Amino acid sequence: MNTLTFPLSAIPDLPRDKANGQDPYASEAQTNALLRFGAQYRLQRIQAADMITTDEAAALSGTTRVTMNTWIKAGRCIGVSHLRRGHKLPRWQFEPFIFPVIAPVASALGSSDGWQLLAFLESPHPALGGQSPRTALEQGTPAQRVIDLATAEGH
């Protein structure tokens, strides 16, 4: 599954293949750099302006924080673990053209993990002309097309 939503140019060059004499495995330094970059990316994404708390999401959706936590665990909505406690949720998922697609996408991917759902929906996809599934949905792509892509990614 292609879940990278950040530019890899900021990471030290990773080996590509053995055909040209390169070791096919990343060095310890490259692995550590990749992990640091991933942690930095996650922190920045959690702090982004479109991320809201479970209390804010509950108010937005007319439900309770307890219900929001249940929805997150079930894959009905996207919640990523916050560094302190609780979850942060992307506000855009509560739009009427996206919210009904979250649970079927989670089911198709075989995961309720918030980072995996977020990465799938925000990563450019070649089958959508380079658009992310989220952008494609916003621009009128049928939900079933995005669900089918999630099914292909999940299997």
C-alpha atoms as a PDB file:
ATOM      1  CA  MET A   1       0.000   0.000   0.000  1.00  0.00           C
ATOM      2  CA  ASN A   2       1.369   3.403  -0.939  1.00  0.00           C
ATOM      3  CA  THR A   3       0.825   5.430   2.195  1.00  0.00           C
ATOM      4  CA  LEU A   4       3.550   8.017   1.793  1.00  0.00           C
ATOM      5  CA  THR A   5       2.173  11.527   1.703  1.00  0.00           C
ATOM      6  CA  PHE A   6       5.442  13.373   2.221  1.00  0.00           C
ATOM      7  CA  PRO A   7       8.325  14.032  -0.162  1.00  0.00           C
ATOM      8  CA  LEU A   8      11.010  11.393   0.039  1.00  0.00           C
ATOM      9  CA  SER A   9      13.619  13.869  -1.181  1.00  0.00           C
ATOM     10  CA  ALA A  10      14.173  14.950   2.425  1.00  0.00           C
ATOM     11  CA  ILE A  11      15.315  11.458   3.353  1.00  0.00           C
ATOM     12  CA  PRO A  12      18.834  10.179   2.602  1.00  0.00           C
ATOM     13  CA  ASP A  13      18.997   8.200  -0.634  1.00  0.00           C
ATOM     14  CA  LEU A  14      17.757   4.693  -0.064  1.00  0.00           C
ATOM     15  CA  PRO A  15      19.232   1.840  -2.104  1.00  0.00           C
ATOM     16  CA  ARG A  16      17.089   0.845  -5.057  1.00  0.00           C
ATOM     17  CA  ASP A  17      18.411  -2.460  -6.426  1.00  0.00           C
ATOM     18  CA  LYS A  18      21.320  -4.835  -6.645  1.00  0.00           C
ATOM     19  CA  ALA A  19      21.559  -4.634 -10.441  1.00  0.00           C
ATOM     20  CA  ASN A  20      23.857  -1.624 -10.286  1.00  0.00           C
ATOM     21  CA  GLY A  21      25.929  -2.928  -7.379  1.00  0.00           C
ATOM     22  CA  GLN A  22      24.023  -1.231  -4.552  1.00  0.00           C
ATOM     23  CA  ASP A  23      23.107  -3.023  -1.348  1.00  0.00           C
ATOM     24  CA  PRO A  24      19.311  -3.518  -1.487  1.00  0.00           C
ATOM     25  CA  TYR A  25      18.938  -2.764   2.226  1.00  0.00           C
ATOM     26  CA  ALA A  26      18.872   0.580   3.972  1.00  0.00           C
ATOM     27  CA  SER A  27      21.697   1.307   6.361  1.00  0.00           C
ATOM     28  CA  GLU A  28      21.075   1.893  10.048  1.00  0.00           C
ATOM     29  CA  ALA A  29      21.597   5.639   9.517  1.00  0.00           C
ATOM     30  CA  GLN A  30      19.108   5.688   6.632  1.00  0.00           C
ATOM     31  CA  THR A  31      16.560   3.737   8.670  1.00  0.00           C
ATOM     32  CA  ASN A  32      16.951   6.087  11.627  1.00  0.00           C
ATOM     33  CA  ALA A  33      16.573   9.123   9.340  1.00  0.00           C
ATOM     34  CA  LEU A  34      13.416   7.648   7.842  1.00  0.00           C
ATOM     35  CA  LEU A  35      11.947   6.971  11.288  1.00  0.00           C
ATOM     36  CA  ARG A  36      12.777  10.501  12.490  1.00  0.00           C
ATOM     37  CA  PHE A  37      11.220  11.972   9.362  1.00  0.00           C
ATOM     38  CA  GLY A  38       8.075   9.871   9.881  1.00  0.00           C
ATOM     39  CA  ALA A  39       7.757  10.987  13.497  1.00  0.00           C
ATOM     40  CA  GLN A  40       8.224  14.620  12.451  1.00  0.00           C
ATOM     41  CA  TYR A  41       5.611  14.240   9.718  1.00  0.00           C
ATOM     42  CA  ARG A  42       3.088  12.715  12.132  1.00  0.00           C
ATOM     43  CA  LEU A  43       3.614  15.511  14.644  1.00  0.00           C
ATOM     44  CA  GLN A  44       3.133  18.159  11.944  1.00  0.00           C
ATOM     45  CA  ARG A  45       0.016  16.404  10.647  1.00  0.00           C
ATOM     46  CA  ILE A  46      -1.511  16.202  14.144  1.00  0.00           C
ATOM     47  CA  GLN A  47      -0.844  19.923  14.637  1.00  0.00           C
ATOM     48  CA  ALA A  48      -2.324  20.921  11.258  1.00  0.00           C
ATOM     49  CA  ALA A  49      -5.173  23.427  11.255  1.00  0.00           C
ATOM     50  CA  ASP A  50      -7.695  20.884   9.932  1.00  0.00           C
ATOM     51  CA  MET A  51      -7.213  18.501  12.880  1.00  0.00           C
ATOM     52  CA  ILE A  52      -9.754  18.723  15.694  1.00  0.00           C
ATOM     53  CA  THR A  53     -10.193  17.066  19.086  1.00  0.00           C
ATOM     54  CA  THR A  54     -12.754  14.361  19.816  1.00  0.00           C
ATOM     55  CA  ASP A  55     -14.807  16.932  21.754  1.00  0.00           C
ATOM     56  CA  GLU A  56     -14.840  19.271  18.743  1.00  0.00           C
ATOM     57  CA  ALA A  57     -15.695  16.375  16.426  1.00  0.00           C
ATOM     58  CA  ALA A  58     -18.523  15.313  18.723  1.00  0.00           C
ATOM     59  CA  ALA A  59     -19.977  18.828  18.686  1.00  0.00           C
ATOM     60  CA  LEU A  60     -19.590  19.002  14.896  1.00  0.00           C
ATOM     61  CA  SER A  61     -21.340  15.673  14.357  1.00  0.00           C
ATOM     62  CA  GLY A  62     -23.985  16.143  17.071  1.00  0.00           C
ATOM     63  CA  THR A  63     -22.844  13.242  19.219  1.00  0.00           C
ATOM     64  CA  THR A  64     -20.680  12.599  22.289  1.00  0.00           C
ATOM     65  CA  ARG A  65     -16.950  12.106  22.806  1.00  0.00           C
ATOM     66  CA  VAL A  66     -17.644   8.518  23.894  1.00  0.00           C
ATOM     67  CA  THR A  67     -19.473   7.862  20.629  1.00  0.00           C
ATOM     68  CA  MET A  68     -16.615   9.451  18.675  1.00  0.00           C
ATOM     69  CA  ASN A  69     -14.129   7.122  20.384  1.00  0.00           C
ATOM     70  CA  THR A  70     -16.353   4.145  19.522  1.00  0.00           C
ATOM     71  CA  TRP A  71     -16.539   5.282  15.895  1.00  0.00           C
ATOM     72  CA  ILE A  72     -12.747   5.642  15.754  1.00  0.00           C
ATOM     73  CA  LYS A  73     -12.202   2.111  17.085  1.00  0.00           C
ATOM     74  CA  ALA A  74     -14.729   0.728  14.602  1.00  0.00           C
ATOM     75  CA  GLY A  75     -13.260   2.576  11.611  1.00  0.00           C
ATOM     76  CA  ARG A  76     -16.399   4.628  11.152  1.00  0.00           C
ATOM     77  CA  CYS A  77     -14.325   7.793  11.357  1.00  0.00           C
ATOM     78  CA  ILE A  78     -10.634   8.659  11.264  1.00  0.00           C
ATOM     79  CA  GLY A  79      -8.875   9.366  14.521  1.00  0.00           C
ATOM     80  CA  VAL A  80      -5.114   9.399  14.981  1.00  0.00           C
ATOM     81  CA  SER A  81      -3.509   8.978  18.360  1.00  0.00           C
ATOM     82  CA  HIS A  82      -2.479  12.256  19.876  1.00  0.00           C
ATOM     83  CA  LEU A  83       0.879  12.446  21.618  1.00  0.00           C
ATOM     84  CA  ARG A  84      -0.671  13.361  24.945  1.00  0.00           C
ATOM     85  CA  ARG A  85      -3.959  11.570  25.198  1.00  0.00           C
ATOM     86  CA  GLY A  86      -6.928  10.929  23.000  1.00  0.00           C
ATOM     87  CA  HIS A  87      -7.223  11.422  19.289  1.00  0.00           C
ATOM     88  CA  LYS A  88      -7.154  14.138  16.681  1.00  0.00           C
ATOM     89  CA  LEU A  89      -9.502  13.911  13.720  1.00  0.00           C
ATOM     90  CA  PRO A  90      -9.414  15.593  10.313  1.00  0.00           C
ATOM     91  CA  ARG A  91     -12.368  17.975  10.143  1.00  0.00           C
ATOM     92  CA  TRP A  92     -12.910  17.340   6.419  1.00  0.00           C
ATOM     93  CA  GLN A  93     -14.057  13.748   7.021  1.00  0.00           C
ATOM     94  CA  PHE A  94     -17.399  15.036   8.325  1.00  0.00           C
ATOM     95  CA  GLU A  95     -18.331  16.490   4.930  1.00  0.00           C
ATOM     96  CA  PRO A  96     -21.434  14.722   3.555  1.00  0.00           C
ATOM     97  CA  PHE A  97     -19.616  13.358   0.490  1.00  0.00           C
ATOM     98  CA  ILE A  98     -16.787  11.824   2.559  1.00  0.00           C
ATOM     99  CA  PHE A  99     -18.240  10.673   5.891  1.00  0.00           C
ATOM    100  CA  PRO A 100     -20.371   7.837   4.427  1.00  0.00           C
ATOM    101  CA  VAL A 101     -17.278   6.487   2.614  1.00  0.00           C
ATOM    102  CA  ILE A 102     -14.994   6.205   5.682  1.00  0.00           C
ATOM    103  CA  ALA A 103     -16.403   2.937   7.087  1.00  0.00           C
ATOM    104  CA  PRO A 104     -16.500   1.132   3.712  1.00  0.00           C
ATOM    105  CA  VAL A 105     -12.921   2.268   3.004  1.00  0.00           C
ATOM    106  CA  ALA A 106     -11.799   1.024   6.429  1.00  0.00           C
ATOM    107  CA  SER A 107     -13.500  -2.301   5.765  1.00  0.00           C
ATOM    108  CA  ALA A 108     -11.965  -2.547   2.281  1.00  0.00           C
ATOM    109  CA  LEU A 109      -8.495  -1.795   3.640  1.00  0.00           C
ATOM    110  CA  GLY A 110      -9.064  -4.271   6.453  1.00  0.00           C
ATOM    111  CA  SER A 111      -8.035  -1.703   9.037  1.00  0.00           C
ATOM    112  CA  SER A 112      -9.506   0.843  11.397  1.00  0.00           C
ATOM    113  CA  ASP A 113      -6.050   2.377  12.012  1.00  0.00           C
ATOM    114  CA  GLY A 114      -6.437   6.134  11.703  1.00  0.00           C
ATOM    115  CA  TRP A 115      -2.994   6.716  10.190  1.00  0.00           C
ATOM    116  CA  GLN A 116      -3.612   4.081   7.518  1.00  0.00           C
ATOM    117  CA  LEU A 117      -7.027   5.531   6.651  1.00  0.00           C
ATOM    118  CA  LEU A 118      -5.685   9.076   6.617  1.00  0.00           C
ATOM    119  CA  ALA A 119      -2.713   8.102   4.468  1.00  0.00           C
ATOM    120  CA  PHE A 120      -4.915   6.271   1.967  1.00  0.00           C
ATOM    121  CA  LEU A 121      -7.363   9.155   1.635  1.00  0.00           C
ATOM    122  CA  GLU A 122      -4.677  11.864   1.412  1.00  0.00           C
ATOM    123  CA  SER A 123      -2.100  10.128  -0.814  1.00  0.00           C
ATOM    124  CA  PRO A 124      -2.095  10.777  -4.561  1.00  0.00           C
ATOM    125  CA  HIS A 125      -3.215   7.705  -6.490  1.00  0.00           C
ATOM    126  CA  PRO A 126      -2.308   6.956 -10.115  1.00  0.00           C
ATOM    127  CA  ALA A 127      -5.741   5.409 -10.772  1.00  0.00           C
ATOM    128  CA  LEU A 128      -7.282   8.792  -9.916  1.00  0.00           C
ATOM    129  CA  GLY A 129      -5.031  10.764 -12.235  1.00  0.00           C
ATOM    130  CA  GLY A 130      -2.676  11.586  -9.386  1.00  0.00           C
ATOM    131  CA  GLN A 131      -5.415  12.946  -7.157  1.00  0.00           C
ATOM    132  CA  SER A 132      -5.882  11.734  -3.613  1.00  0.00           C
ATOM    133  CA  PRO A 133      -9.073   9.764  -2.942  1.00  0.00           C
ATOM    134  CA  ARG A 134     -10.228  12.616  -0.698  1.00  0.00           C
ATOM    135  CA  THR A 135      -9.801  15.194  -3.478  1.00  0.00           C
ATOM    136  CA  ALA A 136     -11.427  12.861  -5.994  1.00  0.00           C
ATOM    137  CA  LEU A 137     -14.464  12.469  -3.727  1.00  0.00           C
ATOM    138  CA  GLU A 138     -14.642  16.234  -3.240  1.00  0.00           C
ATOM    139  CA  GLN A 139     -14.665  16.649  -7.023  1.00  0.00           C
ATOM    140  CA  GLY A 140     -17.451  14.141  -7.600  1.00  0.00           C
ATOM    141  CA  THR A 141     -15.715  10.823  -8.202  1.00  0.00           C
ATOM    142  CA  PRO A 142     -18.167   8.045  -7.310  1.00  0.00           C
ATOM    143  CA  ALA A 143     -17.574   6.659  -3.837  1.00  0.00           C
ATOM    144  CA  GLN A 144     -17.560   3.089  -5.180  1.00  0.00           C
ATOM    145  CA  ARG A 145     -14.458   3.874  -7.267  1.00  0.00           C
ATOM    146  CA  VAL A 146     -12.571   4.938  -4.121  1.00  0.00           C
ATOM    147  CA  ILE A 147     -13.845   1.891  -2.219  1.00  0.00           C
ATOM    148  CA  ASP A 148     -12.695  -0.356  -5.075  1.00  0.00           C
ATOM    149  CA  LEU A 149      -9.228   1.229  -4.907  1.00  0.00           C
ATOM    150  CA  ALA A 150      -9.153   0.624  -1.155  1.00  0.00           C
ATOM    151  CA  THR A 151     -10.108  -3.004  -1.766  1.00  0.00           C
ATOM    152  CA  ALA A 152      -7.227  -3.366  -4.223  1.00  0.00           C
ATOM    153  CA  GLU A 153      -4.827  -1.733  -1.752  1.00  0.00           C
ATOM    154  CA  GLY A 154      -6.030  -3.873   1.139  1.00  0.00           C
ATOM    155  CA  HIS A 155      -5.582  -7.224  -0.606  1.00  0.00           C
END
